[in-house]
Amino acid sequence: MTNSLQHQAQLQQDRLGLRLAAHLSDGADDLPYEIAERLRASRMQALARRKVLKVRPARSVSMSGGAATLTFDGDGPGWWGRLAATLPLVMLAAGLVAINVIQNESRAQEVAEVDAALLIDDLPPAAYADPGFMQFLKSGGEREQ
């Protein structure tokens, strides 16, 4: 709705400009040469200073729900926008690396504790490989007589 109102306002301004130009052109033929030249020079200066409207076609239109988003060429995020977009990715990668390092250290600590317990214990390491010994440990280490 806003686009159509803006478009109608722009069309009305264009029509008004064309009518004024036609009215001024009708009276320009009766002016003396000096005044006509000054008007021509002023017209050239005004044309040189006018704002030029750059119209760019949209590269893509994204529809989501009831909203549409237009994407234009060259409308990408600037340097800070790219940095802000990659920062979470870098933090995620650093977090994953930190988790991997912590888990590796934890596993190594657990293996070291088991090795230390095996070396300090009175039983030989071969006893731990015996299936009957595992049953003995599950029963709470009580001997059956």
N, C-alpha and C. Protein backbone atom coordinates (compact mmCIF):
# COMPACT_ATOMS: atom_id res chain seq x y z
N MET A 1 0.83 -1.18 0.00
CA MET A 1 0.00 0.00 0.00
C MET A 1 0.87 1.24 0.00
N THR A 2 1.93 1.24 0.78
CA THR A 2 2.81 2.40 0.84
C THR A 2 3.50 2.63 -0.50
N ASN A 3 3.90 1.53 -1.15
CA ASN A 3 4.55 1.66 -2.46
C ASN A 3 3.61 2.28 -3.47
N SER A 4 2.35 1.89 -3.46
CA SER A 4 1.42 2.44 -4.44
C SER A 4 1.16 3.93 -4.15
N LEU A 5 1.09 4.33 -2.88
CA LEU A 5 0.92 5.75 -2.56
C LEU A 5 2.15 6.55 -2.98
N GLN A 6 3.32 6.01 -2.74
CA GLN A 6 4.55 6.71 -3.16
C GLN A 6 4.60 6.79 -4.68
N HIS A 7 4.21 5.74 -5.33
CA HIS A 7 4.23 5.72 -6.80
C HIS A 7 3.25 6.76 -7.35
N GLN A 8 2.08 6.84 -6.76
CA GLN A 8 1.09 7.84 -7.22
C GLN A 8 1.60 9.26 -6.98
N ALA A 9 2.24 9.49 -5.84
CA ALA A 9 2.79 10.83 -5.56
C ALA A 9 3.88 11.17 -6.57
N GLN A 10 4.71 10.19 -6.91
CA GLN A 10 5.77 10.42 -7.90
C GLN A 10 5.16 10.74 -9.27
N LEU A 11 4.13 10.03 -9.65
CA LEU A 11 3.46 10.29 -10.93
C LEU A 11 2.85 11.68 -10.97
N GLN A 12 2.25 12.12 -9.86
CA GLN A 12 1.67 13.45 -9.80
C GLN A 12 2.76 14.52 -9.92
N GLN A 13 3.89 14.31 -9.26
CA GLN A 13 4.99 15.27 -9.37
C GLN A 13 5.50 15.34 -10.81
N ASP A 14 5.61 14.19 -11.47
CA ASP A 14 6.07 14.17 -12.85
C ASP A 14 5.09 14.92 -13.77
N ARG A 15 3.81 14.71 -13.59
CA ARG A 15 2.81 15.40 -14.40
C ARG A 15 2.86 16.91 -14.19
N LEU A 16 3.01 17.32 -12.91
CA LEU A 16 3.11 18.74 -12.60
C LEU A 16 4.34 19.35 -13.27
N GLY A 17 5.46 18.64 -13.21
CA GLY A 17 6.68 19.13 -13.84
C GLY A 17 6.53 19.27 -15.34
N LEU A 18 5.87 18.30 -15.96
CA LEU A 18 5.66 18.38 -17.41
C LEU A 18 4.74 19.55 -17.78
N ARG A 19 3.70 19.78 -16.98
CA ARG A 19 2.80 20.91 -17.26
C ARG A 19 3.52 22.25 -17.09
N LEU A 20 4.33 22.37 -16.03
CA LEU A 20 5.08 23.62 -15.83
C LEU A 20 6.07 23.85 -16.96
N ALA A 21 6.76 22.78 -17.37
CA ALA A 21 7.73 22.92 -18.46
C ALA A 21 7.03 23.34 -19.75
N ALA A 22 5.88 22.78 -20.02
CA ALA A 22 5.14 23.15 -21.23
C ALA A 22 4.69 24.61 -21.16
N HIS A 23 4.21 25.05 -20.00
CA HIS A 23 3.76 26.44 -19.83
C HIS A 23 4.92 27.42 -19.99
N LEU A 24 6.07 27.06 -19.40
CA LEU A 24 7.24 27.95 -19.50
C LEU A 24 7.80 27.97 -20.92
N SER A 25 7.72 26.83 -21.60
CA SER A 25 8.23 26.79 -22.98
C SER A 25 7.37 27.64 -23.91
N ASP A 26 6.09 27.72 -23.64
CA ASP A 26 5.21 28.54 -24.49
C ASP A 26 5.61 30.01 -24.41
N GLY A 27 5.98 30.49 -23.24
CA GLY A 27 6.33 31.91 -23.10
C GLY A 27 7.79 32.20 -23.42
N ALA A 28 8.61 31.18 -23.63
CA ALA A 28 10.04 31.40 -23.86
C ALA A 28 10.31 31.98 -25.25
N ASP A 29 9.44 31.78 -26.19
CA ASP A 29 9.67 32.29 -27.55
C ASP A 29 9.58 33.81 -27.61
N ASP A 30 8.85 34.45 -26.72
CA ASP A 30 8.64 35.89 -26.74
C ASP A 30 9.71 36.65 -25.96
N LEU A 31 10.64 35.97 -25.29
CA LEU A 31 11.65 36.63 -24.45
C LEU A 31 12.80 37.16 -25.30
N PRO A 32 13.46 38.24 -24.82
CA PRO A 32 14.65 38.72 -25.52
C PRO A 32 15.78 37.69 -25.43
N TYR A 33 16.77 37.85 -26.33
CA TYR A 33 17.86 36.89 -26.46
C TYR A 33 18.66 36.76 -25.17
N GLU A 34 19.01 37.88 -24.51
CA GLU A 34 19.84 37.84 -23.30
C GLU A 34 19.14 37.05 -22.19
N ILE A 35 17.88 37.29 -22.01
CA ILE A 35 17.13 36.59 -20.95
C ILE A 35 17.00 35.10 -21.30
N ALA A 36 16.78 34.80 -22.55
CA ALA A 36 16.67 33.41 -22.98
C ALA A 36 17.99 32.67 -22.73
N GLU A 37 19.14 33.34 -23.00
CA GLU A 37 20.45 32.72 -22.76
C GLU A 37 20.69 32.50 -21.27
N ARG A 38 20.34 33.50 -20.44
CA ARG A 38 20.51 33.33 -18.98
C ARG A 38 19.62 32.19 -18.47
N LEU A 39 18.41 32.08 -18.98
CA LEU A 39 17.53 30.98 -18.60
C LEU A 39 18.08 29.63 -19.05
N ARG A 40 18.67 29.61 -20.25
CA ARG A 40 19.26 28.37 -20.75
C ARG A 40 20.44 27.95 -19.88
N ALA A 41 21.29 28.92 -19.49
CA ALA A 41 22.43 28.61 -18.63
C ALA A 41 21.96 28.13 -17.25
N SER A 42 20.92 28.77 -16.72
CA SER A 42 20.37 28.34 -15.42
C SER A 42 19.78 26.95 -15.52
N ARG A 43 19.13 26.68 -16.64
CA ARG A 43 18.55 25.34 -16.84
C ARG A 43 19.64 24.29 -16.89
N MET A 44 20.76 24.59 -17.54
CA MET A 44 21.88 23.64 -17.62
C MET A 44 22.48 23.41 -16.23
N GLN A 45 22.61 24.47 -15.44
CA GLN A 45 23.13 24.30 -14.07
C GLN A 45 22.18 23.46 -13.23
N ALA A 46 20.90 23.71 -13.36
CA ALA A 46 19.93 22.93 -12.58
C ALA A 46 19.97 21.46 -12.97
N LEU A 47 20.11 21.19 -14.26
CA LEU A 47 20.19 19.80 -14.71
C LEU A 47 21.47 19.12 -14.22
N ALA A 48 22.56 19.89 -14.15
CA ALA A 48 23.82 19.32 -13.67
C ALA A 48 23.75 19.00 -12.18
N ARG A 49 22.97 19.78 -11.42
CA ARG A 49 22.90 19.59 -9.96
C ARG A 49 21.78 18.66 -9.51
N ARG A 50 20.94 18.27 -10.41
CA ARG A 50 19.80 17.45 -10.00
C ARG A 50 20.26 16.09 -9.48
N LYS A 51 19.40 15.53 -8.66
CA LYS A 51 19.67 14.21 -8.13
C LYS A 51 19.27 13.18 -9.18
N VAL A 52 20.17 12.25 -9.42
CA VAL A 52 19.88 11.20 -10.38
C VAL A 52 19.43 9.98 -9.61
N LEU A 53 18.26 9.50 -9.92
CA LEU A 53 17.71 8.34 -9.26
C LEU A 53 18.28 7.09 -9.93
N LYS A 54 18.93 6.27 -9.14
CA LYS A 54 19.49 5.03 -9.68
C LYS A 54 18.51 3.90 -9.40
N VAL A 55 18.05 3.29 -10.45
CA VAL A 55 17.13 2.18 -10.32
C VAL A 55 17.92 0.90 -10.54
N ARG A 56 17.83 0.01 -9.55
CA ARG A 56 18.52 -1.27 -9.66
C ARG A 56 17.49 -2.38 -9.56
N PRO A 57 17.57 -3.36 -10.42
CA PRO A 57 16.63 -4.48 -10.31
C PRO A 57 17.02 -5.37 -9.13
N ALA A 58 16.02 -5.94 -8.49
CA ALA A 58 16.28 -6.84 -7.37
C ALA A 58 16.87 -8.13 -7.90
N ARG A 59 17.87 -8.65 -7.16
CA ARG A 59 18.51 -9.89 -7.56
C ARG A 59 17.63 -11.08 -7.21
N SER A 60 17.00 -11.03 -6.03
CA SER A 60 16.13 -12.13 -5.63
C SER A 60 15.06 -11.63 -4.67
N VAL A 61 13.99 -12.38 -4.60
CA VAL A 61 12.89 -12.08 -3.68
C VAL A 61 12.68 -13.31 -2.81
N SER A 62 12.73 -13.11 -1.50
CA SER A 62 12.52 -14.22 -0.56
C SER A 62 11.18 -14.02 0.13
N MET A 63 10.36 -15.04 0.09
CA MET A 63 9.05 -14.98 0.73
C MET A 63 9.09 -15.82 2.01
N SER A 64 8.65 -15.23 3.11
CA SER A 64 8.60 -15.94 4.38
C SER A 64 7.33 -15.52 5.09
N GLY A 65 6.39 -16.43 5.18
CA GLY A 65 5.11 -16.07 5.79
C GLY A 65 4.40 -15.04 4.94
N GLY A 66 4.10 -13.90 5.54
CA GLY A 66 3.43 -12.83 4.80
C GLY A 66 4.38 -11.72 4.41
N ALA A 67 5.69 -11.91 4.59
CA ALA A 67 6.66 -10.85 4.32
C ALA A 67 7.55 -11.26 3.15
N ALA A 68 7.96 -10.26 2.38
CA ALA A 68 8.88 -10.50 1.27
C ALA A 68 10.13 -9.66 1.49
N THR A 69 11.27 -10.22 1.14
CA THR A 69 12.54 -9.52 1.29
C THR A 69 13.21 -9.44 -0.07
N LEU A 70 13.61 -8.24 -0.47
CA LEU A 70 14.32 -8.05 -1.73
C LEU A 70 15.81 -8.02 -1.46
N THR A 71 16.58 -8.67 -2.33
CA THR A 71 18.04 -8.66 -2.22
C THR A 71 18.59 -8.00 -3.47
N PHE A 72 19.43 -6.98 -3.28
CA PHE A 72 20.01 -6.25 -4.40
C PHE A 72 21.49 -6.60 -4.53
N ASP A 73 22.02 -6.41 -5.73
CA ASP A 73 23.45 -6.60 -5.93
C ASP A 73 24.19 -5.52 -5.17
N GLY A 74 25.24 -5.90 -4.48
CA GLY A 74 26.05 -4.92 -3.75
C GLY A 74 25.47 -4.55 -2.40
N ASP A 75 24.38 -5.18 -1.99
CA ASP A 75 23.79 -4.89 -0.69
C ASP A 75 24.28 -5.85 0.38
N GLY A 76 25.40 -6.49 0.15
CA GLY A 76 25.92 -7.44 1.13
C GLY A 76 26.38 -6.72 2.38
N PRO A 77 26.59 -7.49 3.42
CA PRO A 77 27.05 -6.87 4.66
C PRO A 77 28.46 -6.30 4.48
N GLY A 78 28.74 -5.25 5.19
CA GLY A 78 30.06 -4.65 5.11
C GLY A 78 31.07 -5.47 5.87
N TRP A 79 32.25 -4.86 6.08
CA TRP A 79 33.35 -5.55 6.75
C TRP A 79 32.95 -5.95 8.17
N TRP A 80 32.31 -5.04 8.91
CA TRP A 80 31.90 -5.34 10.28
C TRP A 80 30.81 -6.39 10.30
N GLY A 81 29.92 -6.36 9.33
CA GLY A 81 28.87 -7.36 9.27
C GLY A 81 29.41 -8.76 9.02
N ARG A 82 30.41 -8.86 8.15
CA ARG A 82 31.02 -10.15 7.89
C ARG A 82 31.76 -10.66 9.12
N LEU A 83 32.44 -9.75 9.82
CA LEU A 83 33.14 -10.14 11.04
C LEU A 83 32.14 -10.61 12.09
N ALA A 84 31.03 -9.90 12.24
CA ALA A 84 30.01 -10.30 13.21
C ALA A 84 29.36 -11.62 12.82
N ALA A 85 29.29 -11.92 11.54
CA ALA A 85 28.69 -13.18 11.11
C ALA A 85 29.65 -14.36 11.32
N THR A 86 30.95 -14.13 11.17
CA THR A 86 31.90 -15.23 11.32
C THR A 86 32.34 -15.44 12.76
N LEU A 87 32.16 -14.45 13.61
CA LEU A 87 32.59 -14.57 15.01
C LEU A 87 31.89 -15.74 15.72
N PRO A 88 30.57 -15.93 15.61
CA PRO A 88 29.96 -17.09 16.26
C PRO A 88 30.50 -18.42 15.74
N LEU A 89 30.81 -18.50 14.45
CA LEU A 89 31.37 -19.72 13.89
C LEU A 89 32.75 -20.00 14.47
N VAL A 90 33.57 -18.98 14.62
CA VAL A 90 34.90 -19.14 15.21
C VAL A 90 34.77 -19.56 16.66
N MET A 91 33.84 -18.95 17.39
CA MET A 91 33.65 -19.32 18.80
C MET A 91 33.16 -20.76 18.93
N LEU A 92 32.29 -21.20 18.03
CA LEU A 92 31.81 -22.57 18.04
C LEU A 92 32.96 -23.54 17.79
N ALA A 93 33.80 -23.25 16.80
CA ALA A 93 34.94 -24.12 16.51
C ALA A 93 35.90 -24.16 17.70
N ALA A 94 36.15 -23.02 18.35
CA ALA A 94 37.03 -23.00 19.51
C ALA A 94 36.42 -23.81 20.65
N GLY A 95 35.12 -23.72 20.84
CA GLY A 95 34.45 -24.50 21.88
C GLY A 95 34.55 -25.99 21.63
N LEU A 96 34.37 -26.40 20.37
CA LEU A 96 34.47 -27.82 20.04
C LEU A 96 35.89 -28.34 20.25
N VAL A 97 36.88 -27.54 19.90
CA VAL A 97 38.27 -27.94 20.13
C VAL A 97 38.54 -28.06 21.62
N ALA A 98 38.04 -27.10 22.40
CA ALA A 98 38.24 -27.15 23.86
C ALA A 98 37.57 -28.39 24.46
N ILE A 99 36.36 -28.72 24.02
CA ILE A 99 35.68 -29.91 24.51
C ILE A 99 36.47 -31.16 24.16
N ASN A 100 37.01 -31.24 22.95
CA ASN A 100 37.80 -32.39 22.53
C ASN A 100 39.05 -32.53 23.41
N VAL A 101 39.73 -31.44 23.67
CA VAL A 101 40.94 -31.49 24.49
C VAL A 101 40.60 -31.94 25.91
N ILE A 102 39.53 -31.40 26.48
CA ILE A 102 39.13 -31.76 27.85
C ILE A 102 38.75 -33.23 27.93
N GLN A 103 38.01 -33.73 26.94
CA GLN A 103 37.62 -35.14 26.95
C GLN A 103 38.84 -36.05 26.79
N ASN A 104 39.78 -35.68 25.94
CA ASN A 104 41.00 -36.49 25.79
C ASN A 104 41.79 -36.54 27.09
N GLU A 105 41.90 -35.41 27.76
CA GLU A 105 42.61 -35.38 29.03
C GLU A 105 41.88 -36.21 30.08
N SER A 106 40.55 -36.15 30.07
CA SER A 106 39.76 -36.94 31.02
C SER A 106 39.95 -38.43 30.78
N ARG A 107 39.91 -38.85 29.53
CA ARG A 107 40.12 -40.27 29.19
C ARG A 107 41.52 -40.71 29.59
N ALA A 108 42.50 -39.89 29.32
CA ALA A 108 43.87 -40.24 29.69
C ALA A 108 44.01 -40.36 31.20
N GLN A 109 43.34 -39.49 31.95
CA GLN A 109 43.37 -39.54 33.42
C GLN A 109 42.73 -40.83 33.92
N GLU A 110 41.59 -41.21 33.32
CA GLU A 110 40.92 -42.45 33.72
C GLU A 110 41.80 -43.66 33.45
N VAL A 111 42.42 -43.72 32.27
CA VAL A 111 43.30 -44.84 31.92
C VAL A 111 44.49 -44.88 32.87
N ALA A 112 45.03 -43.71 33.22
CA ALA A 112 46.16 -43.67 34.14
C ALA A 112 45.76 -44.17 35.53
N GLU A 113 44.55 -43.83 35.97
CA GLU A 113 44.08 -44.31 37.27
C GLU A 113 43.92 -45.83 37.27
N VAL A 114 43.36 -46.38 36.18
CA VAL A 114 43.20 -47.83 36.09
C VAL A 114 44.57 -48.51 36.06
N ASP A 115 45.50 -47.96 35.28
CA ASP A 115 46.85 -48.53 35.23
C ASP A 115 47.54 -48.48 36.58
N ALA A 116 47.38 -47.38 37.28
CA ALA A 116 47.99 -47.26 38.61
C ALA A 116 47.36 -48.25 39.57
N ALA A 117 46.04 -48.43 39.49
CA ALA A 117 45.38 -49.40 40.37
C ALA A 117 45.84 -50.81 40.07
N LEU A 118 46.03 -51.13 38.79
CA LEU A 118 46.51 -52.46 38.41
C LEU A 118 47.93 -52.69 38.91
N LEU A 119 48.78 -51.69 38.81
CA LEU A 119 50.17 -51.86 39.22
C LEU A 119 50.32 -51.92 40.74
N ILE A 120 49.49 -51.22 41.48
CA ILE A 120 49.59 -51.18 42.93
C ILE A 120 48.90 -52.39 43.56
N ASP A 121 47.91 -52.96 42.89
CA ASP A 121 47.10 -54.04 43.45
C ASP A 121 47.94 -55.30 43.67
N ASP A 122 47.47 -56.15 44.61
CA ASP A 122 48.17 -57.40 44.93
C ASP A 122 47.94 -58.47 43.88
N LEU A 123 46.84 -58.36 43.12
CA LEU A 123 46.54 -59.37 42.11
C LEU A 123 47.36 -59.16 40.85
N PRO A 124 47.69 -60.22 40.19
CA PRO A 124 48.39 -60.07 38.90
C PRO A 124 47.40 -59.59 37.83
N PRO A 125 47.87 -58.88 36.81
CA PRO A 125 46.98 -58.39 35.75
C PRO A 125 46.23 -59.50 35.03
N ALA A 126 46.75 -60.71 34.99
CA ALA A 126 46.06 -61.81 34.32
C ALA A 126 44.77 -62.17 35.03
N ALA A 127 44.67 -61.88 36.31
CA ALA A 127 43.46 -62.20 37.06
C ALA A 127 42.27 -61.38 36.55
N TYR A 128 42.53 -60.19 36.09
CA TYR A 128 41.45 -59.33 35.59
C TYR A 128 40.88 -59.85 34.27
N ALA A 129 41.65 -60.61 33.53
CA ALA A 129 41.19 -61.17 32.26
C ALA A 129 40.39 -62.45 32.46
N ASP A 130 40.44 -63.05 33.64
CA ASP A 130 39.73 -64.29 33.94
C ASP A 130 38.22 -64.01 34.08
N PRO A 131 37.34 -64.71 33.30
CA PRO A 131 35.90 -64.47 33.41
C PRO A 131 35.35 -64.77 34.80
N GLY A 132 35.91 -65.72 35.49
CA GLY A 132 35.45 -66.03 36.83
C GLY A 132 35.74 -64.91 37.81
N PHE A 133 36.83 -64.19 37.56
CA PHE A 133 37.18 -63.07 38.44
C PHE A 133 36.16 -61.93 38.29
N MET A 134 35.66 -61.73 37.11
CA MET A 134 34.64 -60.71 36.89
C MET A 134 33.37 -61.07 37.65
N GLN A 135 33.02 -62.37 37.66
CA GLN A 135 31.86 -62.82 38.44
C GLN A 135 32.12 -62.62 39.92
N PHE A 136 33.35 -62.84 40.34
CA PHE A 136 33.74 -62.64 41.73
C PHE A 136 33.58 -61.16 42.12
N LEU A 137 33.98 -60.25 41.23
CA LEU A 137 33.85 -58.84 41.52
C LEU A 137 32.37 -58.40 41.56
N LYS A 138 31.55 -58.98 40.68
CA LYS A 138 30.13 -58.62 40.64
C LYS A 138 29.40 -59.08 41.91
N SER A 139 29.84 -60.19 42.45
CA SER A 139 29.18 -60.69 43.67
C SER A 139 29.63 -59.95 44.92
N GLY A 140 30.48 -59.01 44.77
CA GLY A 140 30.90 -58.20 45.90
C GLY A 140 32.20 -58.67 46.53
N GLY A 141 32.90 -59.57 45.92
CA GLY A 141 34.19 -60.02 46.42
C GLY A 141 34.08 -61.00 47.56
N GLU A 142 32.92 -61.58 47.77
CA GLU A 142 32.76 -62.55 48.85
C GLU A 142 33.06 -63.95 48.31
N ARG A 143 33.82 -64.73 49.07
CA ARG A 143 34.15 -66.09 48.65
C ARG A 143 33.06 -67.04 49.05
N GLU A 144 32.75 -67.92 48.16
CA GLU A 144 31.75 -68.94 48.47
C GLU A 144 32.48 -70.18 49.01
N GLN A 145 32.02 -70.74 50.11
CA GLN A 145 32.67 -71.92 50.69
C GLN A 145 31.70 -73.05 50.83
